[in-house]
Amino acid sequence: MHVERAFGAALMALVAFNSAAADTLRVATPLMPITAGNPYGPVSLPQALPAQMIYDPLTVLKGAGEVGPGLAVSWAQEGPATWVFQLARDVVFSNGEPFDATAVVDAFAYLATPEGKRDSSANMDVSQEIDSVRARDSYTVEIKTKAANPILPLHLSFLRIPAPRQWRTAGRDSFIRNPVGTGPFKVDQWQDGRINLSANSTACRKAQALKADIRVIAEPASRLQALASGAVDVAISLSAQDKTIVEAMGAVFVSRPAPKIEFMAFVTVKDSPLHDVRVRQALNYAVNKQAMIAALIDGATQPASQFSHDGAFGFNPDLSAYPYDPARARALLKDAGYAKGFEFTVLIDPATSGYAEFYQQIAQDLSAVGVRMNVRATPTTRIAESVQSAQWPAEAFGWTFTGFDSLRGYLFRSCKWHHPYHCDTAMMPLINKAAAAATVRERQAATRAALAYERDNPPGVLLWRGVNFDAVSPQVKGYSAVEDVVAWEKIKVEQIETNP
């Protein structure tokens, strides 16, 4: 129904996008961050959209678990737990404040406060693993970690730096409504549901567009209509089914890989057939991931070979996805004593894009090998409460691994968690070895070994790497993303000539 309405609207509004001003980039997003312009807020699109435009991080993601220079131009590890970062010089915040070591030290100090620990980047464990941060001079920062961390620069790719004096003077709540960073755009006006920005003349990443306009358009069909009518240039977070509509209106449909792996997690600490590794392997063989990807996600991604993705450090390229093999699944179930199958319940959030359709198909695939899966709609907040409390009303739940350090997933997906839903004691030495590694090579090898063991002893059903979809008008040039970070400064909006 959504597709039909949007398609009709698109065809009626084929006005060739010729009403846009060439100096303004207009973006439609389904929502704004609940923390407004807090630099320490969300790290993934769409909620991270304003922050990506306003701030610069210390390091920049390059893909495959590697980073390049950002506000930090170089770094060196002086010891297992001591890093020294050299900062960019002659960088100025959009309000005229100079960027220097004080800004970085202040950012870490905030993350160590109770308020800072509640913000998203603190949840990446940056604040928990840092022992001390100090300025050696105006452009040199020394960071000591509580334990060896050979990939600290990767973790700091999430640390966006705000103007320190403005943060102290205004206070957090006022600052996030009038944020100040060193990024390509600065905020002119922040309203509920809309942000007006202009190019930051002092930015290192010079914006190609003179202005930017971010507006909330909650419904996907309405975002498509706005794109078709020329009211916006970019529509963020659409569905795979929108591709035909987008291309029919002459726009470009963009697949944007998400830094996450989708999987169905099993509560193996409960007394159920899922406690048996043969059963868990069987269910991985029983689900036809490739067919679902082709039918429901336009073939835009691949089945997951492990509980990580190829943009994360430690990803193991030698692992392969479970093939679709229902005969193998039945044999494993028989070997485990479940030749006649069994029944279990999975919790999913129907508000998550496509989840209802995905899990309906998963249920059909499992039914073909004699396993009945009941799907129960449950908000993600309730599922998260179960992860925290271990009060499980079901044997499985829809979940993800999100991030760029494969090892971080084991905080929840192992015996390390205070109330684990899955605890394989044989895996803990592998996880601990990776966590204690003193060099990049050692950590990578140990993390890959852990992922290989987990692939063969799965805590759930591996599905696929996440993918998002955006639509871009033909007058937008240079739209690209690396690991869910869009290079907003590279985007040009060109006026399209209309035929007389």
Protein backbone atom coordinates (compact mmCIF):
# COMPACT_ATOMS: atom_id res chain seq x y z
CA MET A 1 0.00 0.00 0.00
CA HIS A 2 2.87 2.35 0.91
CA VAL A 3 4.57 1.61 -2.44
CA GLU A 4 1.42 2.19 -4.47
CA ARG A 5 0.68 5.54 -2.81
CA ALA A 6 4.25 6.74 -3.21
CA PHE A 7 4.48 5.57 -6.82
CA GLY A 8 1.31 7.41 -7.75
CA ALA A 9 2.52 10.56 -6.08
CA ALA A 10 5.90 10.28 -7.79
CA LEU A 11 4.43 9.91 -11.26
CA MET A 12 2.13 12.88 -10.73
CA ALA A 13 5.02 15.03 -9.56
CA LEU A 14 7.57 14.52 -12.36
CA VAL A 15 8.74 18.11 -12.45
CA ALA A 16 12.41 17.27 -13.15
CA PHE A 17 13.61 18.69 -9.82
CA ASN A 18 14.09 22.10 -11.40
CA SER A 19 12.87 24.20 -8.49
CA ALA A 20 15.93 23.82 -6.28
CA ALA A 21 18.34 26.59 -5.49
CA ALA A 22 21.78 25.45 -6.64
CA ASP A 23 23.48 26.72 -3.48
CA THR A 24 21.35 24.80 -0.92
CA LEU A 25 21.51 21.11 -0.06
CA ARG A 26 18.09 20.02 1.25
CA VAL A 27 17.87 16.72 3.10
CA ALA A 28 14.78 14.87 4.31
CA THR A 29 15.31 12.61 7.32
CA PRO A 30 12.82 10.43 9.21
CA LEU A 31 13.85 11.82 12.60
CA MET A 32 16.17 14.11 14.51
CA PRO A 33 18.51 13.04 17.30
CA ILE A 34 16.77 13.16 20.67
CA THR A 35 19.94 14.77 22.04
CA ALA A 36 19.77 17.58 19.41
CA GLY A 37 23.29 18.82 18.58
CA ASN A 38 25.15 16.90 21.26
CA PRO A 39 28.47 15.84 19.69
CA TYR A 40 28.54 12.78 21.94
CA GLY A 41 25.16 11.59 20.72
CA PRO A 42 24.21 9.01 18.07
CA VAL A 43 26.94 7.67 15.79
CA SER A 44 24.81 6.19 12.98
CA LEU A 45 22.49 7.72 10.41
CA PRO A 46 19.87 9.06 10.36
CA GLN A 47 20.20 10.46 13.90
CA ALA A 48 23.89 11.29 13.42
CA LEU A 49 23.18 13.40 10.33
CA PRO A 50 23.43 16.86 11.98
CA ALA A 51 26.55 15.90 13.94
CA GLN A 52 28.30 14.70 10.78
CA MET A 53 27.75 18.14 9.26
CA ILE A 54 28.69 20.20 12.33
CA TYR A 55 31.64 18.38 13.94
CA ASP A 56 34.91 16.69 13.12
CA PRO A 57 36.11 13.56 14.94
CA LEU A 58 39.64 12.90 16.17
CA THR A 59 40.13 10.14 13.59
CA VAL A 60 38.21 9.25 10.43
CA LEU A 61 36.94 5.82 9.40
CA LYS A 62 38.45 4.50 6.19
CA GLY A 63 36.79 1.07 6.16
CA ALA A 64 37.97 -2.46 6.98
CA GLY A 65 38.68 -1.45 10.56
CA GLU A 66 41.20 1.23 9.59
CA VAL A 67 41.26 4.96 10.33
CA GLY A 68 42.93 8.05 8.92
CA PRO A 69 43.63 11.53 10.25
CA GLY A 70 40.90 13.84 11.44
CA LEU A 71 41.48 16.52 14.05
CA ALA A 72 44.37 14.28 15.09
CA VAL A 73 46.84 14.20 12.20
CA SER A 74 49.17 11.51 13.55
CA TRP A 75 49.63 9.25 16.56
CA ALA A 76 52.12 6.87 18.08
CA GLN A 77 51.97 4.18 20.75
CA GLU A 78 54.77 4.82 23.26
CA GLY A 79 53.86 1.78 25.33
CA PRO A 80 51.07 -0.83 25.56
CA ALA A 81 48.86 1.66 27.42
CA THR A 82 50.27 5.03 26.32
CA TRP A 83 49.35 6.89 23.14
CA VAL A 84 50.47 10.32 21.93
CA PHE A 85 48.31 12.22 19.41
CA GLN A 86 49.49 15.18 17.36
CA LEU A 87 46.65 17.59 16.59
CA ALA A 88 45.92 19.64 13.51
CA ARG A 89 47.10 23.24 13.71
CA ASP A 90 45.36 26.39 12.52
CA VAL A 91 41.91 24.81 12.96
CA VAL A 92 39.19 27.15 14.20
CA PHE A 93 35.70 26.43 15.51
CA SER A 94 32.85 28.14 13.67
CA ASN A 95 32.55 30.72 16.50
CA GLY A 96 36.22 31.69 16.21
CA GLU A 97 37.59 29.62 19.09
CA PRO A 98 40.90 27.98 18.26
CA PHE A 99 41.09 24.20 18.30
CA ASP A 100 43.89 22.84 20.46
CA ALA A 101 44.67 20.22 23.08
CA THR A 102 42.35 21.87 25.61
CA ALA A 103 39.33 20.98 23.46
CA VAL A 104 40.34 17.31 23.41
CA VAL A 105 41.12 17.12 27.13
CA ASP A 106 37.79 18.79 27.93
CA ALA A 107 35.91 16.29 25.74
CA PHE A 108 37.38 13.33 27.61
CA ALA A 109 36.71 15.04 30.95
CA TYR A 110 33.04 15.37 30.05
CA LEU A 111 32.77 11.71 29.09
CA ALA A 112 34.04 10.77 32.55
CA THR A 113 31.14 12.60 34.24
CA PRO A 114 27.87 10.82 35.11
CA GLU A 115 26.10 12.88 32.46
CA GLY A 116 28.77 12.11 29.87
CA LYS A 117 28.60 8.38 30.56
CA ARG A 118 24.96 8.43 29.49
CA ASP A 119 25.81 9.75 26.03
CA SER A 120 26.24 7.40 23.09
CA SER A 121 29.95 7.68 22.45
CA ALA A 122 30.56 6.88 26.12
CA ASN A 123 28.71 3.63 25.46
CA MET A 124 31.52 2.72 23.05
CA ASP A 125 33.52 2.18 26.27
CA VAL A 126 35.88 5.09 25.56
CA SER A 127 35.31 6.58 29.00
CA GLN A 128 35.57 3.20 30.73
CA GLU A 129 38.94 2.28 29.26
CA ILE A 130 40.68 5.66 29.56
CA ASP A 131 42.91 6.13 32.60
CA SER A 132 44.11 9.69 31.98
CA VAL A 133 44.29 12.38 29.30
CA ARG A 134 46.62 15.37 29.44
CA ALA A 135 48.03 18.03 27.15
CA ARG A 136 51.78 17.79 26.69
CA ASP A 137 51.63 21.05 24.78
CA SER A 138 49.06 23.01 22.78
CA TYR A 139 48.91 20.44 19.98
CA THR A 140 50.01 17.22 21.67
CA VAL A 141 47.73 15.02 23.75
CA GLU A 142 48.82 12.02 25.82
CA ILE A 143 46.23 9.32 26.47
CA LYS A 144 46.80 6.49 28.90
CA THR A 145 44.47 3.50 28.88
CA LYS A 146 43.73 1.19 31.80
CA ALA A 147 44.98 -1.79 29.78
CA ALA A 148 46.79 -2.35 26.51
CA ASN A 149 44.78 -1.06 23.55
CA PRO A 150 46.55 -1.31 20.20
CA ILE A 151 43.52 0.04 18.27
CA LEU A 152 42.65 3.11 20.36
CA PRO A 153 42.69 5.40 17.25
CA LEU A 154 39.80 3.33 15.84
CA HIS A 155 37.75 3.83 18.99
CA LEU A 156 38.34 7.58 18.83
CA SER A 157 36.70 7.85 15.41
CA PHE A 158 33.46 8.32 17.35
CA LEU A 159 34.78 11.22 19.43
CA ARG A 160 33.52 14.48 17.91
CA ILE A 161 34.97 17.62 19.46
CA PRO A 162 32.80 20.65 20.43
CA ALA A 163 34.03 24.20 21.08
CA PRO A 164 35.23 23.96 24.71
CA ARG A 165 34.72 27.56 25.83
CA GLN A 166 31.21 27.70 24.38
CA TRP A 167 30.37 24.35 26.02
CA ARG A 168 31.54 25.58 29.43
CA THR A 169 29.86 28.98 29.12
CA ALA A 170 26.51 27.83 27.74
CA GLY A 171 26.22 24.50 29.54
CA ARG A 172 25.24 21.25 27.91
CA ASP A 173 21.50 21.85 27.48
CA SER A 174 21.93 25.25 25.85
CA PHE A 175 24.91 24.19 23.75
CA ILE A 176 23.15 21.29 22.06
CA ARG A 177 20.53 23.72 20.70
CA ASN A 178 23.26 26.04 19.39
CA PRO A 179 26.11 23.64 18.67
CA VAL A 180 29.55 24.80 17.60
CA GLY A 181 32.06 22.58 15.85
CA THR A 182 34.81 22.62 13.23
CA GLY A 183 32.81 20.71 10.57
CA PRO A 184 31.80 21.89 7.09
CA PHE A 185 28.55 23.52 8.23
CA LYS A 186 27.47 25.74 11.11
CA VAL A 187 23.97 26.06 12.56
CA ASP A 188 21.99 29.19 11.73
CA GLN A 189 18.74 28.04 13.31
CA TRP A 190 17.69 24.85 15.10
CA GLN A 191 13.94 24.36 15.30
CA ASP A 192 11.84 21.34 16.15
CA GLY A 193 11.88 19.27 13.01
CA ARG A 194 14.17 21.53 10.99
CA ILE A 195 17.75 22.79 10.97
CA ASN A 196 19.09 25.58 8.77
CA LEU A 197 22.85 25.57 8.26
CA SER A 198 25.39 27.51 6.24
CA ALA A 199 28.91 26.71 5.09
CA ASN A 200 31.54 27.12 7.80
CA SER A 201 34.15 29.39 6.24
CA THR A 202 36.81 28.28 8.75
CA ALA A 203 36.31 24.55 8.20
CA CYS A 204 39.08 22.27 7.00
CA ARG A 205 36.47 20.24 5.11
CA LYS A 206 35.13 23.05 2.94
CA ALA A 207 31.47 22.59 1.98
CA GLN A 208 30.60 22.71 -1.72
CA ALA A 209 27.07 23.91 -0.94
CA LEU A 210 26.62 27.36 0.57
CA LYS A 211 23.69 26.26 2.72
CA ALA A 212 22.05 23.09 4.01
CA ASP A 213 18.50 22.50 5.15
CA ILE A 214 17.63 19.39 7.17
CA ARG A 215 13.96 18.72 7.71
CA VAL A 216 12.07 15.87 9.35
CA ILE A 217 9.62 14.05 7.08
CA ALA A 218 8.61 11.00 9.08
CA GLU A 219 6.77 8.93 6.47
CA PRO A 220 8.83 7.29 3.69
CA ALA A 221 6.08 7.99 1.15
CA SER A 222 6.16 11.68 2.03
CA ARG A 223 9.96 11.78 1.70
CA LEU A 224 9.58 10.31 -1.78
CA GLN A 225 6.93 12.88 -2.68
CA ALA A 226 9.20 15.69 -1.47
CA LEU A 227 12.02 14.36 -3.62
CA ALA A 228 9.78 14.00 -6.67
CA SER A 229 8.40 17.52 -6.33
CA GLY A 230 11.86 19.05 -5.97
CA ALA A 231 11.25 20.09 -2.35
CA VAL A 232 14.32 18.12 -1.19
CA ASP A 233 17.49 16.86 -2.84
CA VAL A 234 18.22 13.83 -0.66
CA ALA A 235 15.79 11.45 1.04
CA ILE A 236 17.41 9.41 3.83
CA SER A 237 16.41 5.91 4.95
CA LEU A 238 14.02 4.43 2.45
CA SER A 239 13.23 0.77 1.82
CA ALA A 240 14.44 -1.57 -0.91
CA GLN A 241 10.91 -1.62 -2.34
CA ASP A 242 11.22 2.09 -3.14
CA LYS A 243 13.87 1.53 -5.81
CA THR A 244 11.39 1.27 -8.70
CA ILE A 245 9.65 4.47 -7.64
CA VAL A 246 12.90 6.40 -7.22
CA GLU A 247 14.27 5.35 -10.59
CA ALA A 248 10.93 6.06 -12.28
CA MET A 249 11.14 9.66 -11.15
CA GLY A 250 14.65 9.97 -12.57
CA ALA A 251 16.46 10.01 -9.22
CA VAL A 252 19.35 7.84 -8.07
CA PHE A 253 18.76 4.99 -5.61
CA VAL A 254 21.77 4.55 -3.32
CA SER A 255 22.59 1.48 -1.22
CA ARG A 256 24.48 2.50 1.91
CA PRO A 257 26.02 -0.40 3.87
CA ALA A 258 25.32 -0.13 7.58
CA PRO A 259 28.00 -0.93 10.17
CA LYS A 260 26.03 -3.82 11.62
CA ILE A 261 25.19 -7.50 11.32
CA GLU A 262 21.60 -8.67 11.68
CA PHE A 263 21.07 -11.91 13.54
CA MET A 264 18.52 -13.81 15.59
CA ALA A 265 20.00 -14.29 19.07
CA PHE A 266 19.25 -17.37 21.16
CA VAL A 267 18.79 -17.33 24.93
CA THR A 268 20.91 -20.42 25.49
CA VAL A 269 20.94 -20.03 29.27
CA LYS A 270 17.28 -21.10 29.27
CA ASP A 271 16.37 -24.78 29.31
CA SER A 272 15.40 -25.36 25.67
CA PRO A 273 16.60 -27.25 22.58
CA LEU A 274 18.54 -24.10 21.62
CA HIS A 275 21.08 -24.94 24.31
CA ASP A 276 22.40 -27.68 21.98
CA VAL A 277 24.97 -26.40 19.47
CA ARG A 278 23.76 -28.93 16.87
CA VAL A 279 20.31 -27.37 17.00
CA ARG A 280 21.75 -23.89 16.57
CA GLN A 281 23.82 -25.04 13.62
CA ALA A 282 20.75 -26.72 12.11
CA LEU A 283 18.72 -23.53 12.21
CA ASN A 284 21.52 -21.67 10.45
CA TYR A 285 21.43 -24.23 7.62
CA ALA A 286 17.62 -24.09 7.51
CA VAL A 287 17.23 -20.37 6.72
CA ASN A 288 17.57 -19.33 3.08
CA LYS A 289 19.25 -15.96 3.62
CA GLN A 290 20.21 -15.45 -0.01
CA ALA A 291 16.61 -15.85 -1.19
CA MET A 292 15.38 -13.34 1.41
CA ILE A 293 18.07 -10.84 0.45
CA ALA A 294 17.09 -11.14 -3.21
CA ALA A 295 13.36 -10.83 -2.53
CA LEU A 296 13.25 -8.32 0.31
CA ILE A 297 16.47 -6.27 0.10
CA ASP A 298 16.95 -6.05 -3.65
CA GLY A 299 20.09 -8.20 -3.43
CA ALA A 300 21.91 -5.24 -1.89
CA THR A 301 23.87 -7.17 0.74
CA GLN A 302 25.30 -10.62 1.48
CA PRO A 303 24.62 -13.35 4.05
CA ALA A 304 26.75 -12.92 7.15
CA SER A 305 29.68 -15.28 7.57
CA GLN A 306 30.28 -14.30 11.22
CA PHE A 307 28.98 -12.09 14.00
CA SER A 308 30.81 -9.05 12.62
CA HIS A 309 31.06 -7.22 9.29
CA ASP A 310 33.84 -6.49 6.85
CA GLY A 311 34.09 -2.87 7.96
CA ALA A 312 35.10 -3.87 11.49
CA PHE A 313 38.55 -4.57 12.89
CA GLY A 314 39.13 -8.29 13.38
CA PHE A 315 36.72 -9.43 10.65
CA ASN A 316 37.81 -12.88 9.49
CA PRO A 317 37.91 -13.05 5.66
CA ASP A 318 38.46 -16.82 5.72
CA LEU A 319 34.99 -17.61 7.05
CA SER A 320 32.03 -18.43 4.82
CA ALA A 321 28.31 -18.07 5.40
CA TYR A 322 26.20 -21.09 6.28
CA PRO A 323 24.76 -22.38 2.99
CA TYR A 324 21.08 -23.11 2.67
CA ASP A 325 20.94 -26.85 3.29
CA PRO A 326 17.63 -28.09 4.77
CA ALA A 327 18.74 -31.72 4.48
CA ARG A 328 21.79 -30.96 6.64
CA ALA A 329 19.51 -29.12 9.06
CA ARG A 330 17.20 -32.14 9.43
CA ALA A 331 20.18 -34.45 9.99
CA LEU A 332 21.56 -32.25 12.76
CA LEU A 333 18.15 -31.98 14.43
CA LYS A 334 17.78 -35.76 14.33
CA ASP A 335 21.27 -36.20 15.77
CA ALA A 336 20.36 -33.84 18.62
CA GLY A 337 17.18 -35.81 19.37
CA TYR A 338 14.70 -33.45 17.71
CA ALA A 339 13.77 -35.38 14.57
CA LYS A 340 10.16 -34.27 15.06
CA GLY A 341 11.21 -30.67 15.60
CA PHE A 342 10.30 -28.35 18.45
CA GLU A 343 8.72 -24.96 19.12
CA PHE A 344 10.15 -21.66 20.33
CA THR A 345 9.28 -17.95 20.43
CA VAL A 346 11.27 -15.01 19.10
CA LEU A 347 10.79 -11.36 20.06
CA ILE A 348 11.07 -8.77 17.29
CA ASP A 349 10.36 -5.07 17.03
CA PRO A 350 7.94 -4.61 14.10
CA ALA A 351 8.97 -0.96 13.91
CA THR A 352 12.38 -2.05 12.64
CA SER A 353 12.37 -1.78 8.86
CA GLY A 354 11.43 -5.05 7.21
CA TYR A 355 11.63 -7.16 10.36
CA ALA A 356 8.08 -8.48 10.15
CA GLU A 357 8.57 -9.69 6.56
CA PHE A 358 12.01 -11.13 7.31
CA TYR A 359 10.84 -13.14 10.28
CA GLN A 360 7.74 -14.39 8.51
CA GLN A 361 10.03 -15.90 5.89
CA ILE A 362 12.41 -17.26 8.54
CA ALA A 363 9.44 -18.95 10.20
CA GLN A 364 8.47 -20.57 6.89
CA ASP A 365 12.00 -21.85 6.33
CA LEU A 366 12.18 -23.33 9.83
CA SER A 367 8.76 -24.89 9.45
CA ALA A 368 10.10 -26.81 6.44
CA VAL A 369 12.51 -28.67 8.76
CA GLY A 370 9.89 -29.24 11.46
CA VAL A 371 10.66 -26.30 13.76
CA ARG A 372 7.82 -23.96 14.69
CA MET A 373 8.88 -20.38 15.43
CA ASN A 374 6.30 -18.08 17.00
CA VAL A 375 6.94 -14.39 16.35
CA ARG A 376 5.99 -11.98 19.13
CA ALA A 377 6.01 -8.23 18.51
CA THR A 378 7.99 -6.46 21.24
CA PRO A 379 9.50 -2.94 21.31
CA THR A 380 13.29 -2.81 21.23
CA THR A 381 13.23 -1.05 24.59
CA ARG A 382 11.57 -4.09 26.16
CA ILE A 383 14.05 -6.45 24.53
CA ALA A 384 16.90 -4.31 25.87
CA GLU A 385 15.35 -4.51 29.35
CA SER A 386 15.49 -8.30 29.10
CA VAL A 387 19.17 -8.12 28.08
CA GLN A 388 19.81 -6.03 31.20
CA SER A 389 17.70 -8.04 33.64
CA ALA A 390 17.81 -11.61 32.25
CA GLN A 391 14.03 -11.81 32.60
CA TRP A 392 13.36 -13.59 29.34
CA PRO A 393 9.77 -14.17 28.15
CA ALA A 394 11.04 -15.99 25.04
CA GLU A 395 13.86 -18.18 23.76
CA ALA A 396 15.14 -15.82 21.03
CA PHE A 397 15.12 -12.19 19.90
CA GLY A 398 16.04 -10.12 16.87
CA TRP A 399 19.35 -8.36 17.49
CA THR A 400 22.42 -6.77 15.86
CA PHE A 401 26.12 -6.27 16.30
CA THR A 402 26.89 -2.63 15.57
CA GLY A 403 30.32 -1.00 15.53
CA PHE A 404 33.83 -1.20 14.14
CA ASP A 405 35.64 -3.35 16.69
CA SER A 406 34.54 -6.99 16.41
CA LEU A 407 35.64 -7.68 19.96
CA ARG A 408 33.15 -5.18 21.40
CA GLY A 409 30.22 -7.45 20.57
CA TYR A 410 31.33 -9.91 23.22
CA LEU A 411 30.51 -7.46 25.97
CA PHE A 412 26.90 -8.66 25.58
CA ARG A 413 27.31 -11.85 23.56
CA SER A 414 29.35 -13.88 26.06
CA CYS A 415 29.87 -14.74 29.71
CA LYS A 416 31.37 -11.24 30.18
CA TRP A 417 27.87 -9.75 30.49
CA HIS A 418 26.48 -9.58 34.02
CA HIS A 419 23.29 -11.34 32.89
CA PRO A 420 24.40 -13.27 29.77
CA TYR A 421 21.82 -14.67 27.38
CA HIS A 422 24.59 -16.85 25.93
CA CYS A 423 27.57 -18.11 27.92
CA ASP A 424 30.02 -20.46 26.22
CA THR A 425 32.84 -20.95 28.72
CA ALA A 426 35.04 -22.59 26.06
CA MET A 427 35.08 -19.31 24.17
CA MET A 428 36.21 -17.09 27.02
CA PRO A 429 39.96 -17.83 26.69
CA LEU A 430 39.77 -16.72 23.06
CA ILE A 431 37.99 -13.48 23.97
CA ASN A 432 40.35 -12.76 26.86
CA LYS A 433 43.42 -13.39 24.69
CA ALA A 434 42.17 -10.88 22.12
CA ALA A 435 41.37 -8.31 24.81
CA ALA A 436 44.84 -8.64 26.33
CA ALA A 437 46.74 -8.39 23.02
CA ALA A 438 49.44 -5.72 23.04
CA THR A 439 49.88 -5.30 19.27
CA VAL A 440 47.55 -4.79 16.32
CA ARG A 441 48.66 -8.05 14.72
CA GLU A 442 48.10 -10.06 17.91
CA ARG A 443 44.68 -8.53 18.50
CA GLN A 444 43.60 -9.11 14.93
CA ALA A 445 44.69 -12.77 14.95
CA ALA A 446 43.05 -13.46 18.32
CA THR A 447 39.80 -11.72 17.35
CA ARG A 448 39.63 -13.69 14.11
CA ALA A 449 40.12 -16.92 16.06
CA ALA A 450 37.24 -15.99 18.38
CA LEU A 451 34.97 -15.21 15.42
CA ALA A 452 35.87 -18.52 13.76
CA TYR A 453 35.00 -20.50 16.90
CA GLU A 454 31.74 -18.57 17.24
CA ARG A 455 30.81 -19.18 13.62
CA ASP A 456 30.96 -22.94 14.27
CA ASN A 457 29.31 -22.63 17.68
CA PRO A 458 26.74 -19.96 16.87
CA PRO A 459 24.77 -18.12 19.58
CA GLY A 460 22.01 -17.50 17.05
CA VAL A 461 21.13 -17.49 13.37
CA LEU A 462 23.41 -15.33 11.26
CA LEU A 463 21.46 -13.24 8.76
CA TRP A 464 23.23 -10.47 6.81
CA ARG A 465 25.12 -7.23 6.94
CA GLY A 466 22.73 -4.34 7.37
CA VAL A 467 22.10 -1.97 4.50
CA ASN A 468 20.26 1.32 4.21
CA PHE A 469 18.79 3.05 1.19
CA ASP A 470 18.76 6.71 0.22
CA ALA A 471 17.44 8.55 -2.82
CA VAL A 472 19.28 11.43 -4.45
CA SER A 473 18.04 13.86 -7.08
CA PRO A 474 19.98 13.95 -10.37
CA GLN A 475 21.26 17.45 -9.62
CA VAL A 476 23.16 16.22 -6.57
CA LYS A 477 26.77 15.27 -7.32
CA GLY A 478 29.30 13.63 -5.02
CA TYR A 479 26.97 11.78 -2.65
CA SER A 480 29.01 8.99 -1.01
CA ALA A 481 29.41 7.31 2.34
CA VAL A 482 32.10 5.30 4.11
CA GLU A 483 30.87 3.11 6.95
CA ASP A 484 27.65 5.11 7.38
CA VAL A 485 29.43 8.50 7.38
CA VAL A 486 28.40 10.70 4.46
CA ALA A 487 30.94 13.17 3.05
CA TRP A 488 28.49 16.08 3.23
CA GLU A 489 31.20 18.59 2.36
CA LYS A 490 31.74 16.98 -1.07
CA ILE A 491 28.15 17.26 -2.23
CA LYS A 492 27.31 19.76 -4.95
CA VAL A 493 23.80 20.81 -5.94
CA GLU A 494 23.67 21.75 -9.61
CA GLN A 495 20.86 23.50 -11.42
CA ILE A 496 19.35 21.30 -14.14
CA GLU A 497 18.44 22.96 -17.39
CA THR A 498 14.79 22.51 -18.31
CA ASN A 499 13.60 22.09 -21.86
CA PRO A 500 11.53 24.98 -23.22
